[in-house]
Amino acid sequence: MSRRRGEPLRDVRPEEFYYRDVGCEISPSCLNCPLPRCKYDDPREYLKERRRARDRLVVDTKRRESLSPVELAHRFSLSQRTVFRILRRASHGETESAPAGGA
């Protein structure tokens, strides 16, 4: 929609504007996304939740398969130091097994 010189700008109503719903790696469509809040609206929280999920997976794998920190580092493409940090947080109860976000 273009305007002529001298005409005031018109606000386009949402129903008259075409939005491309391309989604992201989480969901192919924004309207069907399972996240409570868009990862683009709060990128830090999204990254923290991804880290928590990764940490839970590392801890669960350690418990299930009794892998060493070196083996966990190779399996998850992490440094050994990062694996040690994850395991330390888990031993102090900082990595919960249930999804975060509750009280």
N, C-alpha and C. Protein backbone atom coordinates (compact mmCIF):
# COMPACT_ATOMS: atom_id res chain seq x y z
N MET A 1 0.86 -1.16 0.00
CA MET A 1 0.00 0.00 0.00
C MET A 1 0.91 1.24 0.00
N SER A 2 0.78 2.06 -0.99
CA SER A 2 1.60 3.27 -1.05
C SER A 2 0.72 4.49 -0.81
N ARG A 3 1.37 5.57 -0.46
CA ARG A 3 0.60 6.79 -0.22
C ARG A 3 1.13 7.87 -1.15
N ARG A 4 0.27 8.80 -1.42
CA ARG A 4 0.67 9.91 -2.27
C ARG A 4 1.27 11.01 -1.41
N ARG A 5 2.09 11.80 -2.02
CA ARG A 5 2.71 12.91 -1.31
C ARG A 5 1.64 13.82 -0.72
N GLY A 6 1.80 14.18 0.55
CA GLY A 6 0.86 15.06 1.21
C GLY A 6 -0.26 14.32 1.95
N GLU A 7 -0.46 13.05 1.63
CA GLU A 7 -1.49 12.29 2.32
C GLU A 7 -0.96 11.85 3.68
N PRO A 8 -1.82 11.86 4.69
CA PRO A 8 -1.36 11.37 6.00
C PRO A 8 -1.16 9.86 5.94
N LEU A 9 -0.29 9.37 6.81
CA LEU A 9 -0.08 7.93 6.91
C LEU A 9 -1.34 7.27 7.47
N ARG A 10 -1.71 6.17 6.90
CA ARG A 10 -2.86 5.43 7.40
C ARG A 10 -2.38 4.23 8.18
N ASP A 11 -3.01 3.99 9.29
CA ASP A 11 -2.73 2.78 10.05
C ASP A 11 -3.42 1.63 9.35
N VAL A 12 -2.68 0.61 9.08
CA VAL A 12 -3.27 -0.55 8.45
C VAL A 12 -3.80 -1.46 9.55
N ARG A 13 -5.05 -1.84 9.45
CA ARG A 13 -5.62 -2.74 10.43
C ARG A 13 -4.95 -4.11 10.30
N PRO A 14 -4.80 -4.83 11.41
CA PRO A 14 -4.13 -6.12 11.35
C PRO A 14 -4.74 -7.08 10.34
N GLU A 15 -6.07 -7.05 10.19
CA GLU A 15 -6.69 -7.98 9.25
C GLU A 15 -6.43 -7.59 7.80
N GLU A 16 -5.93 -6.37 7.55
CA GLU A 16 -5.60 -5.95 6.20
C GLU A 16 -4.10 -6.09 5.90
N PHE A 17 -3.34 -6.57 6.85
CA PHE A 17 -1.90 -6.69 6.66
C PHE A 17 -1.54 -8.17 6.59
N TYR A 18 -0.70 -8.52 5.63
CA TYR A 18 -0.30 -9.91 5.47
C TYR A 18 0.91 -10.19 6.35
N TYR A 19 0.76 -11.13 7.26
CA TYR A 19 1.87 -11.57 8.11
C TYR A 19 2.33 -12.94 7.63
N ARG A 20 3.60 -13.07 7.42
CA ARG A 20 4.15 -14.38 7.06
C ARG A 20 4.39 -15.16 8.34
N ASP A 21 3.73 -16.25 8.50
CA ASP A 21 3.88 -17.09 9.67
C ASP A 21 4.88 -18.19 9.35
N VAL A 22 6.18 -17.86 9.48
CA VAL A 22 7.22 -18.80 9.10
C VAL A 22 7.75 -19.61 10.29
N GLY A 23 7.38 -19.25 11.50
CA GLY A 23 7.80 -20.00 12.67
C GLY A 23 9.31 -19.92 12.90
N CYS A 24 9.86 -20.96 13.53
CA CYS A 24 11.29 -21.05 13.82
C CYS A 24 11.64 -22.52 13.98
N GLU A 25 12.79 -22.82 14.57
CA GLU A 25 13.17 -24.22 14.73
C GLU A 25 12.31 -24.96 15.76
N ILE A 26 11.57 -24.23 16.57
CA ILE A 26 10.69 -24.84 17.57
C ILE A 26 9.40 -25.33 16.91
N SER A 27 8.83 -24.50 16.06
CA SER A 27 7.56 -24.82 15.43
C SER A 27 7.52 -24.20 14.04
N PRO A 28 6.97 -24.90 13.06
CA PRO A 28 6.91 -24.32 11.71
C PRO A 28 5.92 -23.17 11.58
N SER A 29 5.07 -23.00 12.61
CA SER A 29 4.07 -21.94 12.58
C SER A 29 4.01 -21.26 13.94
N CYS A 30 4.07 -19.94 13.95
CA CYS A 30 3.98 -19.19 15.21
C CYS A 30 2.64 -19.42 15.90
N LEU A 31 1.59 -19.56 15.12
CA LEU A 31 0.26 -19.72 15.71
C LEU A 31 0.08 -21.08 16.37
N ASN A 32 0.94 -22.04 16.07
CA ASN A 32 0.85 -23.37 16.67
C ASN A 32 2.04 -23.67 17.57
N CYS A 33 2.75 -22.67 18.01
CA CYS A 33 3.96 -22.85 18.81
C CYS A 33 3.63 -23.31 20.23
N PRO A 34 4.38 -24.27 20.77
CA PRO A 34 4.11 -24.75 22.12
C PRO A 34 4.70 -23.87 23.22
N LEU A 35 5.57 -22.94 22.86
CA LEU A 35 6.19 -22.09 23.88
C LEU A 35 5.17 -21.13 24.48
N PRO A 36 5.24 -20.88 25.79
CA PRO A 36 4.32 -19.93 26.41
C PRO A 36 4.60 -18.50 25.98
N ARG A 37 5.84 -18.24 25.60
CA ARG A 37 6.24 -16.90 25.16
C ARG A 37 7.22 -17.06 24.00
N CYS A 38 7.09 -16.23 23.00
CA CYS A 38 7.93 -16.34 21.80
C CYS A 38 9.40 -16.20 22.14
N LYS A 39 10.22 -17.05 21.53
CA LYS A 39 11.66 -16.99 21.79
C LYS A 39 12.26 -15.66 21.34
N TYR A 40 11.63 -14.99 20.40
CA TYR A 40 12.13 -13.70 19.95
C TYR A 40 11.73 -12.58 20.90
N ASP A 41 10.65 -12.77 21.65
CA ASP A 41 10.22 -11.77 22.63
C ASP A 41 11.12 -11.77 23.86
N ASP A 42 11.60 -12.96 24.25
CA ASP A 42 12.44 -13.09 25.45
C ASP A 42 13.57 -14.07 25.17
N PRO A 43 14.57 -13.65 24.39
CA PRO A 43 15.63 -14.59 23.99
C PRO A 43 16.46 -15.12 25.16
N ARG A 44 16.66 -14.33 26.20
CA ARG A 44 17.45 -14.83 27.34
C ARG A 44 16.74 -15.97 28.06
N GLU A 45 15.45 -15.82 28.27
CA GLU A 45 14.69 -16.89 28.93
C GLU A 45 14.67 -18.15 28.07
N TYR A 46 14.55 -17.97 26.76
CA TYR A 46 14.56 -19.11 25.85
C TYR A 46 15.90 -19.85 25.93
N LEU A 47 16.98 -19.11 25.93
CA LEU A 47 18.31 -19.74 26.01
C LEU A 47 18.52 -20.43 27.35
N LYS A 48 18.02 -19.81 28.44
CA LYS A 48 18.13 -20.45 29.76
C LYS A 48 17.35 -21.76 29.78
N GLU A 49 16.17 -21.77 29.20
CA GLU A 49 15.36 -22.99 29.19
C GLU A 49 16.02 -24.07 28.33
N ARG A 50 16.62 -23.68 27.22
CA ARG A 50 17.35 -24.66 26.40
C ARG A 50 18.50 -25.25 27.18
N ARG A 51 19.22 -24.41 27.94
CA ARG A 51 20.33 -24.90 28.75
C ARG A 51 19.83 -25.84 29.84
N ARG A 52 18.72 -25.48 30.49
CA ARG A 52 18.16 -26.36 31.52
C ARG A 52 17.77 -27.72 30.94
N ALA A 53 17.15 -27.71 29.77
CA ALA A 53 16.75 -28.97 29.13
C ALA A 53 17.98 -29.80 28.79
N ARG A 54 19.02 -29.17 28.28
CA ARG A 54 20.26 -29.88 27.98
C ARG A 54 20.87 -30.45 29.25
N ASP A 55 20.89 -29.66 30.32
CA ASP A 55 21.46 -30.12 31.58
C ASP A 55 20.69 -31.31 32.13
N ARG A 56 19.34 -31.26 32.05
CA ARG A 56 18.54 -32.39 32.52
C ARG A 56 18.85 -33.65 31.71
N LEU A 57 19.03 -33.48 30.41
CA LEU A 57 19.35 -34.62 29.55
C LEU A 57 20.71 -35.21 29.91
N VAL A 58 21.70 -34.36 30.17
CA VAL A 58 23.03 -34.83 30.56
C VAL A 58 22.95 -35.61 31.87
N VAL A 59 22.26 -35.05 32.86
CA VAL A 59 22.14 -35.70 34.17
C VAL A 59 21.37 -37.01 34.05
N ASP A 60 20.28 -37.02 33.31
CA ASP A 60 19.50 -38.25 33.14
C ASP A 60 20.33 -39.33 32.43
N THR A 61 21.10 -38.92 31.43
CA THR A 61 21.97 -39.87 30.72
C THR A 61 23.02 -40.43 31.65
N LYS A 62 23.60 -39.58 32.48
CA LYS A 62 24.60 -40.05 33.46
C LYS A 62 23.99 -41.08 34.39
N ARG A 63 22.80 -40.81 34.89
CA ARG A 63 22.14 -41.74 35.82
C ARG A 63 21.76 -43.06 35.13
N ARG A 64 21.25 -42.96 33.91
CA ARG A 64 20.78 -44.13 33.19
C ARG A 64 21.91 -45.02 32.70
N GLU A 65 22.95 -44.39 32.15
CA GLU A 65 24.02 -45.17 31.49
C GLU A 65 25.32 -45.19 32.27
N SER A 66 25.40 -44.49 33.38
CA SER A 66 26.61 -44.43 34.21
C SER A 66 27.85 -44.06 33.40
N LEU A 67 27.73 -43.04 32.57
CA LEU A 67 28.86 -42.58 31.77
C LEU A 67 29.76 -41.67 32.59
N SER A 68 31.02 -41.64 32.22
CA SER A 68 31.98 -40.74 32.88
C SER A 68 31.78 -39.33 32.31
N PRO A 69 32.30 -38.32 33.00
CA PRO A 69 32.20 -36.96 32.46
C PRO A 69 32.85 -36.82 31.09
N VAL A 70 33.93 -37.55 30.84
CA VAL A 70 34.59 -37.49 29.53
C VAL A 70 33.66 -38.04 28.46
N GLU A 71 33.01 -39.17 28.76
CA GLU A 71 32.08 -39.77 27.79
C GLU A 71 30.87 -38.87 27.57
N LEU A 72 30.38 -38.25 28.63
CA LEU A 72 29.26 -37.31 28.48
C LEU A 72 29.66 -36.12 27.63
N ALA A 73 30.86 -35.61 27.84
CA ALA A 73 31.35 -34.47 27.05
C ALA A 73 31.38 -34.82 25.56
N HIS A 74 31.86 -36.02 25.25
CA HIS A 74 31.89 -36.44 23.84
C HIS A 74 30.48 -36.62 23.29
N ARG A 75 29.62 -37.24 24.06
CA ARG A 75 28.26 -37.53 23.60
C ARG A 75 27.49 -36.25 23.29
N PHE A 76 27.64 -35.23 24.15
CA PHE A 76 26.85 -34.00 23.99
C PHE A 76 27.63 -32.85 23.37
N SER A 77 28.84 -33.12 22.90
CA SER A 77 29.69 -32.08 22.29
C SER A 77 29.88 -30.90 23.23
N LEU A 78 30.21 -31.20 24.47
CA LEU A 78 30.48 -30.19 25.49
C LEU A 78 31.91 -30.34 25.97
N SER A 79 32.40 -29.32 26.63
CA SER A 79 33.71 -29.46 27.26
C SER A 79 33.54 -30.26 28.55
N GLN A 80 34.62 -30.88 28.99
CA GLN A 80 34.56 -31.63 30.24
C GLN A 80 34.22 -30.71 31.40
N ARG A 81 34.74 -29.50 31.36
CA ARG A 81 34.46 -28.54 32.43
C ARG A 81 32.96 -28.23 32.52
N THR A 82 32.31 -28.08 31.35
CA THR A 82 30.87 -27.81 31.34
C THR A 82 30.12 -28.99 31.94
N VAL A 83 30.53 -30.21 31.61
CA VAL A 83 29.88 -31.39 32.17
C VAL A 83 30.05 -31.40 33.69
N PHE A 84 31.24 -31.09 34.17
CA PHE A 84 31.46 -31.05 35.62
C PHE A 84 30.56 -29.99 36.28
N ARG A 85 30.39 -28.85 35.64
CA ARG A 85 29.50 -27.81 36.19
C ARG A 85 28.05 -28.29 36.25
N ILE A 86 27.61 -28.96 35.17
CA ILE A 86 26.24 -29.48 35.13
C ILE A 86 26.03 -30.48 36.26
N LEU A 87 26.98 -31.38 36.44
CA LEU A 87 26.86 -32.40 37.48
C LEU A 87 26.91 -31.79 38.87
N ARG A 88 27.72 -30.76 39.03
CA ARG A 88 27.78 -30.09 40.33
C ARG A 88 26.46 -29.40 40.65
N ARG A 89 25.89 -28.71 39.67
CA ARG A 89 24.60 -28.06 39.88
C ARG A 89 23.53 -29.10 40.21
N ALA A 90 23.57 -30.24 39.54
CA ALA A 90 22.59 -31.29 39.79
C ALA A 90 22.74 -31.85 41.20
N SER A 91 23.97 -32.00 41.67
CA SER A 91 24.18 -32.55 43.01
C SER A 91 23.74 -31.57 44.09
N HIS A 92 23.68 -30.28 43.74
CA HIS A 92 23.21 -29.26 44.68
C HIS A 92 21.72 -28.95 44.50
N GLY A 93 21.05 -29.74 43.63
CA GLY A 93 19.62 -29.57 43.44
C GLY A 93 19.24 -28.40 42.55
N GLU A 94 20.19 -27.86 41.79
CA GLU A 94 19.90 -26.70 40.93
C GLU A 94 19.36 -27.11 39.58
N THR A 95 19.52 -28.37 39.20
CA THR A 95 18.99 -28.87 37.93
C THR A 95 17.86 -29.81 38.26
N GLU A 96 16.63 -29.35 38.05
CA GLU A 96 15.48 -30.16 38.41
C GLU A 96 15.11 -31.08 37.26
N SER A 97 14.48 -32.19 37.58
CA SER A 97 14.08 -33.16 36.56
C SER A 97 12.81 -32.75 35.85
N ALA A 98 11.97 -31.96 36.51
CA ALA A 98 10.73 -31.51 35.89
C ALA A 98 10.99 -30.21 35.14
N PRO A 99 10.16 -29.87 34.14
CA PRO A 99 10.34 -28.61 33.41
C PRO A 99 10.26 -27.42 34.35
N ALA A 100 11.08 -26.43 34.07
CA ALA A 100 11.11 -25.22 34.89
C ALA A 100 9.90 -24.35 34.60
N GLY A 101 9.66 -23.41 35.48
CA GLY A 101 8.60 -22.43 35.26
C GLY A 101 7.55 -22.44 36.33
N GLY A 102 7.51 -23.51 37.13
CA GLY A 102 6.52 -23.58 38.20
C GLY A 102 7.05 -22.96 39.46
N ALA A 103 6.21 -22.86 40.48
CA ALA A 103 6.62 -22.27 41.75
C ALA A 103 7.06 -23.31 42.72
